[in-house]
C-alpha atoms as a PDB file:
ATOM      1  CA  PHE A   1      60.367  95.353-135.493  1.00  0.00           C
ATOM      2  CA  LEU A   2      58.035  97.953-134.093  1.00  0.00           C
ATOM      3  CA  ILE A   3      57.018  99.701-137.323  1.00  0.00           C
ATOM      4  CA  LYS A   4      55.304  96.713-138.912  1.00  0.00           C
ATOM      5  CA  GLY A   5      52.932  95.591-136.165  1.00  0.00           C
ATOM      6  CA  ASP A   6      50.095  94.016-138.132  1.00  0.00           C
ATOM      7  CA  ALA A   7      49.972  90.199-138.188  1.00  0.00           C
ATOM      8  CA  GLU A   8      50.458  89.861-141.975  1.00  0.00           C
ATOM      9  CA  SER A   9      53.640  91.992-142.008  1.00  0.00           C
ATOM     10  CA  VAL A  10      55.029  90.167-138.955  1.00  0.00           C
ATOM     11  CA  MET A  11      54.407  86.773-140.601  1.00  0.00           C
ATOM     12  CA  LYS A  12      56.170  87.859-143.788  1.00  0.00           C
ATOM     13  CA  LEU A  13      59.189  89.102-141.804  1.00  0.00           C
ATOM     14  CA  ILE A  14      59.339  85.925-139.723  1.00  0.00           C
ATOM     15  CA  GLU A  15      59.130  83.778-142.868  1.00  0.00           C
ATOM     16  CA  ALA A  16      61.954  85.816-144.401  1.00  0.00           C
ATOM     17  CA  TYR A  17      64.006  85.990-141.163  1.00  0.00           C
ATOM     18  CA  PRO A  18      63.083  83.076-138.843  1.00  0.00           C
ATOM     19  CA  GLU A  19      65.835  84.032-136.384  1.00  0.00           C
ATOM     20  CA  PHE A  20      63.687  87.019-135.322  1.00  0.00           C
ATOM     21  CA  ILE A  21      60.750  84.897-134.074  1.00  0.00           C
ATOM     22  CA  ASP A  22      61.968  84.970-130.456  1.00  0.00           C
ATOM     23  CA  ILE A  23      62.247  88.762-130.565  1.00  0.00           C
ATOM     24  CA  TYR A  24      58.705  89.083-131.923  1.00  0.00           C
ATOM     25  CA  LYS A  25      57.447  86.744-129.196  1.00  0.00           C
ATOM     26  CA  GLU A  26      59.019  88.966-126.573  1.00  0.00           C
ATOM     27  CA  ILE A  27      57.528  92.079-128.147  1.00  0.00           C
ATOM     28  CA  ALA A  28      54.089  90.426-128.208  1.00  0.00           C
ATOM     29  CA  GLU A  29      54.490  89.488-124.540  1.00  0.00           C
ATOM     30  CA  PHE A  30      55.447  93.042-123.636  1.00  0.00           C
ATOM     31  CA  ARG A  31      52.303  94.250-125.392  1.00  0.00           C
ATOM     32  CA  ARG A  32      50.156  91.868-123.368  1.00  0.00           C
ATOM     33  CA  ASP A  33      51.976  92.460-120.055  1.00  0.00           C
ATOM     34  CA  PRO A  34      53.975  95.662-120.005  1.00  0.00           C
ATOM     35  CA  LYS A  35      54.954  95.220-116.324  1.00  0.00           C
ATOM     36  CA  GLU A  36      58.088  93.277-117.243  1.00  0.00           C
ATOM     37  CA  LEU A  37      59.097  95.923-119.797  1.00  0.00           C
ATOM     38  CA  ILE A  38      58.524  98.642-117.203  1.00  0.00           C
ATOM     39  CA  GLY A  39      60.631  96.637-114.759  1.00  0.00           C
ATOM     40  CA  MET A  40      63.423  96.447-117.351  1.00  0.00           C
ATOM     41  CA  PHE A  41      63.271 100.190-117.825  1.00  0.00           C
ATOM     42  CA  SER A  42      63.259 100.714-114.072  1.00  0.00           C
ATOM     43  CA  GLU A  43      66.382  98.557-113.722  1.00  0.00           C
ATOM     44  CA  ALA A  44      68.025 100.440-116.551  1.00  0.00           C
ATOM     45  CA  LEU A  45      67.176 103.792-114.948  1.00  0.00           C
ATOM     46  CA  LEU A  46      68.441 102.567-111.603  1.00  0.00           C
ATOM     47  CA  GLU A  47      71.756 101.573-113.187  1.00  0.00           C
ATOM     48  CA  LEU A  48      71.907 104.943-114.939  1.00  0.00           C
ATOM     49  CA  ASP A  49      71.348 106.681-111.601  1.00  0.00           C
ATOM     50  CA  ARG A  50      74.155 104.634-110.051  1.00  0.00           C
ATOM     51  CA  ASN A  51      76.481 105.490-112.922  1.00  0.00           C
ATOM     52  CA  THR A  52      75.551 109.163-112.689  1.00  0.00           C
ATOM     53  CA  GLU A  53      76.192 109.093-108.944  1.00  0.00           C
ATOM     54  CA  ARG A  54      79.600 107.508-109.458  1.00  0.00           C
ATOM     55  CA  TYR A  55      80.433 110.065-112.132  1.00  0.00           C
ATOM     56  CA  MET A  56      79.392 112.960-109.874  1.00  0.00           C
ATOM     57  CA  ILE A  57      81.433 111.532-106.984  1.00  0.00           C
ATOM     58  CA  ASP A  58      84.466 111.189-109.254  1.00  0.00           C
ATOM     59  CA  GLU A  59      83.992 114.767-110.420  1.00  0.00           C
ATOM     60  CA  LEU A  60      83.735 116.019-106.812  1.00  0.00           C
ATOM     61  CA  LYS A  61      86.879 114.082-105.894  1.00  0.00           C
ATOM     62  CA  GLU A  62      88.745 115.806-108.721  1.00  0.00           C
ATOM     63  CA  ASP A  63      87.450 119.192-107.564  1.00  0.00           C
ATOM     64  CA  VAL A  64      88.543 118.467-104.002  1.00  0.00           C
ATOM     65  CA  GLU A  65      91.981 117.341-105.178  1.00  0.00           C
ATOM     66  CA  LYS A  66      92.373 120.521-107.234  1.00  0.00           C
ATOM     67  CA  ALA A  67      91.246 122.685-104.311  1.00  0.00           C
ATOM     68  CA  GLU A  68      93.691 120.852-101.983  1.00  0.00           C
ATOM     69  CA  ALA A  69      96.519 121.383-104.459  1.00  0.00           C
ATOM     70  CA  GLU A  70      95.688 125.092-104.757  1.00  0.00           C
ATOM     71  CA  ARG A  71      95.506 125.342-100.961  1.00  0.00           C
ATOM     72  CA  ASP A  72      98.888 123.604-100.580  1.00  0.00           C
ATOM     73  CA  ALA A  73     100.428 125.951-103.181  1.00  0.00           C
ATOM     74  CA  ALA A  74      98.988 128.958-101.345  1.00  0.00           C
ATOM     75  CA  ILE A  75     100.379 127.675 -98.039  1.00  0.00           C
ATOM     76  CA  ALA A  76     103.801 127.153 -99.662  1.00  0.00           C
ATOM     77  CA  ASP A  77     103.731 130.702-101.068  1.00  0.00           C
ATOM     78  CA  ARG A  78     102.713 132.048 -97.646  1.00  0.00           C
ATOM     79  CA  ASP A  79     105.516 130.124 -95.966  1.00  0.00           C
ATOM     80  CA  THR A  80     108.012 131.423 -98.500  1.00  0.00           C
ATOM     81  CA  ALA A  81     106.778 135.000 -97.899  1.00  0.00           C
ATOM     82  CA  ILE A  82     107.121 134.529 -94.120  1.00  0.00           C
ATOM     83  CA  ALA A  83     110.650 133.165 -94.552  1.00  0.00           C
ATOM     84  CA  ASP A  84     111.556 136.107 -96.766  1.00  0.00           C
ATOM     85  CA  ARG A  85     110.106 138.536 -94.220  1.00  0.00           C
ATOM     86  CA  ASP A  86     112.017 136.861 -91.392  1.00  0.00           C
ATOM     87  CA  THR A  87     115.234 137.043 -93.401  1.00  0.00           C
ATOM     88  CA  ALA A  88     114.633 140.734 -94.080  1.00  0.00           C
ATOM     89  CA  ILE A  89     113.908 141.399 -90.367  1.00  0.00           C
ATOM     90  CA  SER A  90     117.109 139.544 -89.416  1.00  0.00           C
ATOM     91  CA  SER A  91     119.137 141.574 -91.929  1.00  0.00           C
ATOM     92  CA  LEU A  92     117.562 144.781 -90.613  1.00  0.00           C
ATOM     93  CA  ASN A  93     118.415 143.818 -87.033  1.00  0.00           C
ATOM     94  CA  VAL A  94     122.000 143.066 -88.009  1.00  0.00           C
ATOM     95  CA  GLU A  95     122.260 146.428 -89.754  1.00  0.00           C
ATOM     96  CA  ARG A  96     120.742 148.182 -86.698  1.00  0.00           C
ATOM     97  CA  GLN A  97     123.238 146.454 -84.448  1.00  0.00           C
ATOM     98  CA  ARG A  98     126.096 147.572 -86.716  1.00  0.00           C
ATOM     99  CA  GLY A  99     124.711 151.093 -86.735  1.00  0.00           C
ATOM    100  CA  ASP A 100     124.469 151.067 -82.935  1.00  0.00           C
ATOM    101  CA  GLU A 101     128.049 149.779 -82.690  1.00  0.00           C
ATOM    102  CA  LEU A 102     129.268 152.459 -85.050  1.00  0.00           C
ATOM    103  CA  GLU A 103     127.379 155.131 -83.150  1.00  0.00           C
ATOM    104  CA  GLU A 104     128.945 153.901 -79.923  1.00  0.00           C
ATOM    105  CA  LYS A 105     132.436 153.983 -81.436  1.00  0.00           C
ATOM    106  CA  LEU A 106     131.762 157.461 -82.786  1.00  0.00           C
ATOM    107  CA  GLY A 107     130.602 158.581 -79.334  1.00  0.00           C
ATOM    108  CA  ARG A 108     133.842 157.181 -77.769  1.00  0.00           C
ATOM    109  CA  TYR A 109     135.892 158.866 -80.491  1.00  0.00           C
ATOM    110  CA  ARG A 110     134.208 162.186 -79.866  1.00  0.00           C
ATOM    111  CA  ASP A 111     134.692 161.802 -76.086  1.00  0.00           C
ATOM    112  CA  LYS A 112     138.364 160.956 -76.604  1.00  0.00           C
ATOM    113  CA  PHE A 113     139.151 163.726 -79.071  1.00  0.00           C
ATOM    114  CA  GLY A 114     136.727 166.334 -77.755  1.00  0.00           C
ATOM    115  CA  GLU A 115     134.431 166.608 -80.740  1.00  0.00           C
ATOM    116  CA  LYS A 116     130.748 167.155 -80.257  1.00  0.00           C
END
């Protein structure tokens, strides 16, 4: 459409393909008054900007979801480590108590049988 712009070439094409006459009329109008064409491009660019914005928002949402999942996993790992530490402390306290009880029994035994 745009390569053959001289009147003779356009007439030959329209005679061969009459269904293209409306398109050539639009092209001729755009050449006379490019404001409408610029408006069409502006609308297309605006839609492209909207689509780009939506895409970027979707990407950011995915990034936030990944970060939240990583944070939740780190919190779960921390909670597990704290629980393991508390279990170890409890076990240590039980063993200390047993040791204290054994030491007390040993002290009574020594007192009773005179060993020092």
